[in-house]
Amino acid sequence: MKATVYVTIKENVLDPQGTAVQGALHSMGFAEVNKVRIGKYLEVELDTNDRAEAEARLKVMCEKLLANTVVEDYRFELEG
């Protein structure tokens, strides 16, 4: 089963990398960009066909390693 994991900085946390990218875009002439937030995209292959088990294991993976839940949010989608 394939999982797609999205990790993003929480809305109330400053994103200096996003701010730097926004500034670079402005300097390149893209003045219409109001806000940039940087995140992570991960693809994980799981050796299971049990959707409930996959969801439970992914939650643990995200909370222990893939996301810093103090400053980041995560969500995932399962295929299969």
PDB file of N, CA and C in Angstrom:
ATOM      1  N   MET A   1       0.857  -1.165   0.000  1.00  0.00           N
ATOM      2  CA  MET A   1       0.000   0.000   0.000  1.00  0.00           C
ATOM      3  C   MET A   1       0.909   1.236   0.000  1.00  0.00           C
ATOM      4  N   LYS A   2       0.547   2.207  -0.787  1.00  0.00           N
ATOM      5  CA  LYS A   2       1.341   3.425  -0.887  1.00  0.00           C
ATOM      6  C   LYS A   2       0.681   4.539  -0.079  1.00  0.00           C
ATOM      7  N   ALA A   3       1.522   5.268   0.665  1.00  0.00           N
ATOM      8  CA  ALA A   3       1.050   6.406   1.435  1.00  0.00           C
ATOM      9  C   ALA A   3       1.761   7.667   0.967  1.00  0.00           C
ATOM     10  N   THR A   4       1.028   8.742   0.908  1.00  0.00           N
ATOM     11  CA  THR A   4       1.602  10.057   0.630  1.00  0.00           C
ATOM     12  C   THR A   4       1.426  10.877   1.898  1.00  0.00           C
ATOM     13  N   VAL A   5       2.544  11.412   2.407  1.00  0.00           N
ATOM     14  CA  VAL A   5       2.531  12.170   3.659  1.00  0.00           C
ATOM     15  C   VAL A   5       2.896  13.624   3.356  1.00  0.00           C
ATOM     16  N   TYR A   6       2.109  14.540   3.884  1.00  0.00           N
ATOM     17  CA  TYR A   6       2.356  15.969   3.737  1.00  0.00           C
ATOM     18  C   TYR A   6       2.624  16.553   5.124  1.00  0.00           C
ATOM     19  N   VAL A   7       3.759  17.220   5.273  1.00  0.00           N
ATOM     20  CA  VAL A   7       4.113  17.839   6.541  1.00  0.00           C
ATOM     21  C   VAL A   7       4.260  19.343   6.290  1.00  0.00           C
ATOM     22  N   THR A   8       3.547  20.142   7.064  1.00  0.00           N
ATOM     23  CA  THR A   8       3.588  21.596   6.890  1.00  0.00           C
ATOM     24  C   THR A   8       3.792  22.276   8.232  1.00  0.00           C
ATOM     25  N   ILE A   9       4.395  23.450   8.191  1.00  0.00           N
ATOM     26  CA  ILE A   9       4.568  24.230   9.406  1.00  0.00           C
ATOM     27  C   ILE A   9       3.205  24.749   9.847  1.00  0.00           C
ATOM     28  N   LYS A  10       2.949  24.687  11.153  1.00  0.00           N
ATOM     29  CA  LYS A  10       1.677  25.173  11.681  1.00  0.00           C
ATOM     30  C   LYS A  10       1.488  26.637  11.316  1.00  0.00           C
ATOM     31  N   GLU A  11       0.250  27.018  11.132  1.00  0.00           N
ATOM     32  CA  GLU A  11      -0.085  28.362  10.657  1.00  0.00           C
ATOM     33  C   GLU A  11       0.436  29.457  11.593  1.00  0.00           C
ATOM     34  N   ASN A  12       0.466  29.188  12.888  1.00  0.00           N
ATOM     35  CA  ASN A  12       0.881  30.216  13.845  1.00  0.00           C
ATOM     36  C   ASN A  12       2.399  30.232  14.091  1.00  0.00           C
ATOM     37  N   VAL A  13       3.152  29.430  13.347  1.00  0.00           N
ATOM     38  CA  VAL A  13       4.609  29.366  13.495  1.00  0.00           C
ATOM     39  C   VAL A  13       5.251  30.107  12.326  1.00  0.00           C
ATOM     40  N   LEU A  14       6.243  30.937  12.628  1.00  0.00           N
ATOM     41  CA  LEU A  14       6.953  31.655  11.576  1.00  0.00           C
ATOM     42  C   LEU A  14       7.667  30.676  10.654  1.00  0.00           C
ATOM     43  N   ASP A  15       7.707  31.003   9.368  1.00  0.00           N
ATOM     44  CA  ASP A  15       8.353  30.166   8.361  1.00  0.00           C
ATOM     45  C   ASP A  15       9.428  30.989   7.659  1.00  0.00           C
ATOM     46  N   PRO A  16      10.646  31.062   8.228  1.00  0.00           N
ATOM     47  CA  PRO A  16      11.684  31.890   7.621  1.00  0.00           C
ATOM     48  C   PRO A  16      12.081  31.435   6.220  1.00  0.00           C
ATOM     49  N   GLN A  17      12.026  30.144   5.958  1.00  0.00           N
ATOM     50  CA  GLN A  17      12.349  29.655   4.615  1.00  0.00           C
ATOM     51  C   GLN A  17      11.294  30.123   3.614  1.00  0.00           C
ATOM     52  N   GLY A  18      10.035  30.048   4.006  1.00  0.00           N
ATOM     53  CA  GLY A  18       8.965  30.550   3.144  1.00  0.00           C
ATOM     54  C   GLY A  18       9.085  32.036   2.890  1.00  0.00           C
ATOM     55  N   THR A  19       9.456  32.781   3.927  1.00  0.00           N
ATOM     56  CA  THR A  19       9.642  34.227   3.788  1.00  0.00           C
ATOM     57  C   THR A  19      10.783  34.535   2.822  1.00  0.00           C
ATOM     58  N   ALA A  20      11.875  33.753   2.911  1.00  0.00           N
ATOM     59  CA  ALA A  20      13.009  33.952   2.001  1.00  0.00           C
ATOM     60  C   ALA A  20      12.611  33.660   0.559  1.00  0.00           C
ATOM     61  N   VAL A  21      11.837  32.604   0.348  1.00  0.00           N
ATOM     62  CA  VAL A  21      11.383  32.272  -1.008  1.00  0.00           C
ATOM     63  C   VAL A  21      10.449  33.355  -1.530  1.00  0.00           C
ATOM     64  N   GLN A  22       9.564  33.850  -0.674  1.00  0.00           N
ATOM     65  CA  GLN A  22       8.669  34.931  -1.085  1.00  0.00           C
ATOM     66  C   GLN A  22       9.481  36.157  -1.508  1.00  0.00           C
ATOM     67  N   GLY A  23      10.490  36.514  -0.729  1.00  0.00           N
ATOM     68  CA  GLY A  23      11.344  37.647  -1.080  1.00  0.00           C
ATOM     69  C   GLY A  23      12.057  37.446  -2.398  1.00  0.00           C
ATOM     70  N   ALA A  24      12.543  36.230  -2.637  1.00  0.00           N
ATOM     71  CA  ALA A  24      13.216  35.925  -3.904  1.00  0.00           C
ATOM     72  C   ALA A  24      12.248  36.028  -5.076  1.00  0.00           C
ATOM     73  N   LEU A  25      11.039  35.533  -4.886  1.00  0.00           N
ATOM     74  CA  LEU A  25      10.031  35.634  -5.949  1.00  0.00           C
ATOM     75  C   LEU A  25       9.707  37.093  -6.252  1.00  0.00           C
ATOM     76  N   HIS A  26       9.579  37.898  -5.213  1.00  0.00           N
ATOM     77  CA  HIS A  26       9.323  39.331  -5.420  1.00  0.00           C
ATOM     78  C   HIS A  26      10.458  39.975  -6.206  1.00  0.00           C
ATOM     79  N   SER A  27      11.703  39.625  -5.851  1.00  0.00           N
ATOM     80  CA  SER A  27      12.850  40.220  -6.551  1.00  0.00           C
ATOM     81  C   SER A  27      12.935  39.749  -8.002  1.00  0.00           C
ATOM     82  N   MET A  28      12.275  38.639  -8.313  1.00  0.00           N
ATOM     83  CA  MET A  28      12.252  38.128  -9.686  1.00  0.00           C
ATOM     84  C   MET A  28      11.060  38.665 -10.472  1.00  0.00           C
ATOM     85  N   GLY A  29      10.275  39.528  -9.840  1.00  0.00           N
ATOM     86  CA  GLY A  29       9.160  40.143 -10.551  1.00  0.00           C
ATOM     87  C   GLY A  29       7.813  39.520 -10.285  1.00  0.00           C
ATOM     88  N   PHE A  30       7.721  38.605  -9.338  1.00  0.00           N
ATOM     89  CA  PHE A  30       6.446  37.965  -9.016  1.00  0.00           C
ATOM     90  C   PHE A  30       5.824  38.641  -7.795  1.00  0.00           C
ATOM     91  N   ALA A  31       5.452  39.898  -7.962  1.00  0.00           N
ATOM     92  CA  ALA A  31       4.937  40.714  -6.861  1.00  0.00           C
ATOM     93  C   ALA A  31       3.576  40.239  -6.361  1.00  0.00           C
ATOM     94  N   GLU A  32       2.885  39.435  -7.149  1.00  0.00           N
ATOM     95  CA  GLU A  32       1.552  38.979  -6.749  1.00  0.00           C
ATOM     96  C   GLU A  32       1.593  37.906  -5.658  1.00  0.00           C
ATOM     97  N   VAL A  33       2.771  37.374  -5.341  1.00  0.00           N
ATOM     98  CA  VAL A  33       2.889  36.338  -4.312  1.00  0.00           C
ATOM     99  C   VAL A  33       2.737  36.989  -2.940  1.00  0.00           C
ATOM    100  N   ASN A  34       1.678  36.616  -2.218  1.00  0.00           N
ATOM    101  CA  ASN A  34       1.404  37.192  -0.903  1.00  0.00           C
ATOM    102  C   ASN A  34       2.019  36.410   0.239  1.00  0.00           C
ATOM    103  N   LYS A  35       2.159  35.095   0.062  1.00  0.00           N
ATOM    104  CA  LYS A  35       2.641  34.268   1.165  1.00  0.00           C
ATOM    105  C   LYS A  35       3.166  32.957   0.609  1.00  0.00           C
ATOM    106  N   VAL A  36       4.263  32.474   1.185  1.00  0.00           N
ATOM    107  CA  VAL A  36       4.820  31.165   0.832  1.00  0.00           C
ATOM    108  C   VAL A  36       5.049  30.399   2.126  1.00  0.00           C
ATOM    109  N   ARG A  37       4.605  29.159   2.163  1.00  0.00           N
ATOM    110  CA  ARG A  37       4.851  28.260   3.290  1.00  0.00           C
ATOM    111  C   ARG A  37       5.566  27.038   2.717  1.00  0.00           C
ATOM    112  N   ILE A  38       6.625  26.621   3.363  1.00  0.00           N
ATOM    113  CA  ILE A  38       7.428  25.489   2.904  1.00  0.00           C
ATOM    114  C   ILE A  38       7.044  24.253   3.716  1.00  0.00           C
ATOM    115  N   GLY A  39       6.972  23.105   3.063  1.00  0.00           N
ATOM    116  CA  GLY A  39       6.653  21.855   3.747  1.00  0.00           C
ATOM    117  C   GLY A  39       7.426  20.703   3.158  1.00  0.00           C
ATOM    118  N   LYS A  40       7.038  19.496   3.553  1.00  0.00           N
ATOM    119  CA  LYS A  40       7.681  18.281   3.073  1.00  0.00           C
ATOM    120  C   LYS A  40       6.628  17.356   2.459  1.00  0.00           C
ATOM    121  N   TYR A  41       7.053  16.633   1.446  1.00  0.00           N
ATOM    122  CA  TYR A  41       6.215  15.653   0.769  1.00  0.00           C
ATOM    123  C   TYR A  41       6.973  14.336   0.815  1.00  0.00           C
ATOM    124  N   LEU A  42       6.338  13.275   1.301  1.00  0.00           N
ATOM    125  CA  LEU A  42       6.991  11.976   1.391  1.00  0.00           C
ATOM    126  C   LEU A  42       6.097  10.906   0.787  1.00  0.00           C
ATOM    127  N   GLU A  43       6.703   9.923   0.137  1.00  0.00           N
ATOM    128  CA  GLU A  43       5.986   8.740  -0.337  1.00  0.00           C
ATOM    129  C   GLU A  43       6.529   7.551   0.437  1.00  0.00           C
ATOM    130  N   VAL A  44       5.626   6.775   1.022  1.00  0.00           N
ATOM    131  CA  VAL A  44       6.006   5.633   1.846  1.00  0.00           C
ATOM    132  C   VAL A  44       5.286   4.403   1.327  1.00  0.00           C
ATOM    133  N   GLU A  45       6.035   3.341   1.044  1.00  0.00           N
ATOM    134  CA  GLU A  45       5.441   2.059   0.652  1.00  0.00           C
ATOM    135  C   GLU A  45       5.307   1.195   1.894  1.00  0.00           C
ATOM    136  N   LEU A  46       4.107   0.711   2.158  1.00  0.00           N
ATOM    137  CA  LEU A  46       3.843  -0.122   3.323  1.00  0.00           C
ATOM    138  C   LEU A  46       3.528  -1.542   2.875  1.00  0.00           C
ATOM    139  N   ASP A  47       4.101  -2.498   3.571  1.00  0.00           N
ATOM    140  CA  ASP A  47       3.893  -3.901   3.244  1.00  0.00           C
ATOM    141  C   ASP A  47       2.692  -4.442   4.027  1.00  0.00           C
ATOM    142  N   THR A  48       1.527  -3.913   3.705  1.00  0.00           N
ATOM    143  CA  THR A  48       0.288  -4.366   4.321  1.00  0.00           C
ATOM    144  C   THR A  48      -0.880  -4.027   3.403  1.00  0.00           C
ATOM    145  N   ASN A  49      -1.942  -4.794   3.534  1.00  0.00           N
ATOM    146  CA  ASN A  49      -3.178  -4.490   2.807  1.00  0.00           C
ATOM    147  C   ASN A  49      -4.280  -4.065   3.778  1.00  0.00           C
ATOM    148  N   ASP A  50      -3.943  -4.014   5.059  1.00  0.00           N
ATOM    149  CA  ASP A  50      -4.893  -3.638   6.109  1.00  0.00           C
ATOM    150  C   ASP A  50      -4.871  -2.123   6.279  1.00  0.00           C
ATOM    151  N   ARG A  51      -5.915  -1.474   5.804  1.00  0.00           N
ATOM    152  CA  ARG A  51      -5.961  -0.006   5.814  1.00  0.00           C
ATOM    153  C   ARG A  51      -5.891   0.561   7.232  1.00  0.00           C
ATOM    154  N   ALA A  52      -6.617  -0.035   8.171  1.00  0.00           N
ATOM    155  CA  ALA A  52      -6.617   0.457   9.553  1.00  0.00           C
ATOM    156  C   ALA A  52      -5.226   0.345  10.165  1.00  0.00           C
ATOM    157  N   GLU A  53      -4.559  -0.763   9.904  1.00  0.00           N
ATOM    158  CA  GLU A  53      -3.200  -0.942  10.413  1.00  0.00           C
ATOM    159  C   GLU A  53      -2.257   0.084   9.794  1.00  0.00           C
ATOM    160  N   ALA A  54      -2.383   0.307   8.493  1.00  0.00           N
ATOM    161  CA  ALA A  54      -1.537   1.274   7.800  1.00  0.00           C
ATOM    162  C   ALA A  54      -1.736   2.675   8.371  1.00  0.00           C
ATOM    163  N   GLU A  55      -2.978   3.064   8.610  1.00  0.00           N
ATOM    164  CA  GLU A  55      -3.256   4.378   9.175  1.00  0.00           C
ATOM    165  C   GLU A  55      -2.648   4.516  10.569  1.00  0.00           C
ATOM    166  N   ALA A  56      -2.803   3.496  11.387  1.00  0.00           N
ATOM    167  CA  ALA A  56      -2.259   3.532  12.744  1.00  0.00           C
ATOM    168  C   ALA A  56      -0.734   3.629  12.721  1.00  0.00           C
ATOM    169  N   ARG A  57      -0.086   2.843  11.867  1.00  0.00           N
ATOM    170  CA  ARG A  57       1.375   2.847  11.776  1.00  0.00           C
ATOM    171  C   ARG A  57       1.883   4.180  11.228  1.00  0.00           C
ATOM    172  N   LEU A  58       1.202   4.728  10.234  1.00  0.00           N
ATOM    173  CA  LEU A  58       1.605   6.023   9.685  1.00  0.00           C
ATOM    174  C   LEU A  58       1.502   7.129  10.732  1.00  0.00           C
ATOM    175  N   LYS A  59       0.460   7.091  11.524  1.00  0.00           N
ATOM    176  CA  LYS A  59       0.310   8.095  12.577  1.00  0.00           C
ATOM    177  C   LYS A  59       1.505   8.041  13.526  1.00  0.00           C
ATOM    178  N   VAL A  60       1.899   6.844  13.919  1.00  0.00           N
ATOM    179  CA  VAL A  60       3.053   6.687  14.812  1.00  0.00           C
ATOM    180  C   VAL A  60       4.329   7.172  14.123  1.00  0.00           C
ATOM    181  N   MET A  61       4.514   6.817  12.853  1.00  0.00           N
ATOM    182  CA  MET A  61       5.700   7.258  12.104  1.00  0.00           C
ATOM    183  C   MET A  61       5.781   8.780  12.063  1.00  0.00           C
ATOM    184  N   CYS A  62       4.653   9.411  11.770  1.00  0.00           N
ATOM    185  CA  CYS A  62       4.624  10.870  11.677  1.00  0.00           C
ATOM    186  C   CYS A  62       4.932  11.511  13.020  1.00  0.00           C
ATOM    187  N   GLU A  63       4.343  10.999  14.074  1.00  0.00           N
ATOM    188  CA  GLU A  63       4.509  11.613  15.378  1.00  0.00           C
ATOM    189  C   GLU A  63       5.882  11.347  15.988  1.00  0.00           C
ATOM    190  N   LYS A  64       6.533  10.243  15.590  1.00  0.00           N
ATOM    191  CA  LYS A  64       7.846   9.919  16.150  1.00  0.00           C
ATOM    192  C   LYS A  64       9.013  10.439  15.318  1.00  0.00           C
ATOM    193  N   LEU A  65       8.830  10.555  13.990  1.00  0.00           N
ATOM    194  CA  LEU A  65       9.974  10.898  13.157  1.00  0.00           C
ATOM    195  C   LEU A  65       9.669  11.883  12.034  1.00  0.00           C
ATOM    196  N   LEU A  66       8.620  11.663  11.285  1.00  0.00           N
ATOM    197  CA  LEU A  66       8.417  12.415  10.050  1.00  0.00           C
ATOM    198  C   LEU A  66       7.996  13.861  10.272  1.00  0.00           C
ATOM    199  N   ALA A  67       7.353  14.147  11.390  1.00  0.00           N
ATOM    200  CA  ALA A  67       6.909  15.516  11.675  1.00  0.00           C
ATOM    201  C   ALA A  67       7.294  15.896  13.095  1.00  0.00           C
ATOM    202  N   ASN A  68       7.670  17.138  13.276  1.00  0.00           N
ATOM    203  CA  ASN A  68       7.875  17.688  14.614  1.00  0.00           C
ATOM    204  C   ASN A  68       6.548  18.301  15.014  1.00  0.00           C
ATOM    205  N   THR A  69       5.759  17.566  15.776  1.00  0.00           N
ATOM    206  CA  THR A  69       4.378  17.973  16.034  1.00  0.00           C
ATOM    207  C   THR A  69       4.256  19.224  16.897  1.00  0.00           C
ATOM    208  N   VAL A  70       5.367  19.709  17.442  1.00  0.00           N
ATOM    209  CA  VAL A  70       5.332  20.962  18.183  1.00  0.00           C
ATOM    210  C   VAL A  70       5.119  22.126  17.218  1.00  0.00           C
ATOM    211  N   VAL A  71       5.763  22.060  16.053  1.00  0.00           N
ATOM    212  CA  VAL A  71       5.694  23.176  15.097  1.00  0.00           C
ATOM    213  C   VAL A  71       5.133  22.778  13.735  1.00  0.00           C
ATOM    214  N   GLU A  72       4.863  21.494  13.529  1.00  0.00           N
ATOM    215  CA  GLU A  72       4.384  21.034  12.213  1.00  0.00           C
ATOM    216  C   GLU A  72       3.083  20.254  12.341  1.00  0.00           C
ATOM    217  N   ASP A  73       2.273  20.356  11.301  1.00  0.00           N
ATOM    218  CA  ASP A  73       1.082  19.531  11.136  1.00  0.00           C
ATOM    219  C   ASP A  73       1.388  18.491  10.061  1.00  0.00           C
ATOM    220  N   TYR A  74       0.639  17.405  10.072  1.00  0.00           N
ATOM    221  CA  TYR A  74       0.807  16.406   9.022  1.00  0.00           C
ATOM    222  C   TYR A  74      -0.550  15.840   8.639  1.00  0.00           C
ATOM    223  N   ARG A  75      -0.579  15.313   7.440  1.00  0.00           N
ATOM    224  CA  ARG A  75      -1.733  14.550   6.973  1.00  0.00           C
ATOM    225  C   ARG A  75      -1.205  13.527   5.989  1.00  0.00           C
ATOM    226  N   PHE A  76      -1.963  12.472   5.774  1.00  0.00           N
ATOM    227  CA  PHE A  76      -1.528  11.466   4.820  1.00  0.00           C
ATOM    228  C   PHE A  76      -2.710  10.914   4.061  1.00  0.00           C
ATOM    229  N   GLU A  77      -2.408  10.370   2.893  1.00  0.00           N
ATOM    230  CA  GLU A  77      -3.407   9.733   2.038  1.00  0.00           C
ATOM    231  C   GLU A  77      -2.900   8.339   1.720  1.00  0.00           C
ATOM    232  N   LEU A  78      -3.797   7.378   1.685  1.00  0.00           N
ATOM    233  CA  LEU A  78      -3.445   6.001   1.345  1.00  0.00           C
ATOM    234  C   LEU A  78      -4.039   5.614   0.003  1.00  0.00           C
ATOM    235  N   GLU A  79      -3.260   4.917  -0.787  1.00  0.00           N
ATOM    236  CA  GLU A  79      -3.734   4.366  -2.071  1.00  0.00           C
ATOM    237  C   GLU A  79      -3.755   2.857  -1.968  1.00  0.00           C
ATOM    238  N   GLY A  80      -4.789   2.268  -2.466  1.00  0.00           N
ATOM    239  CA  GLY A  80      -4.834   0.814  -2.494  1.00  0.00           C
ATOM    240  C   GLY A  80      -5.711   0.211  -1.442  1.00  0.00           C
TER     241      GLY A  80
END
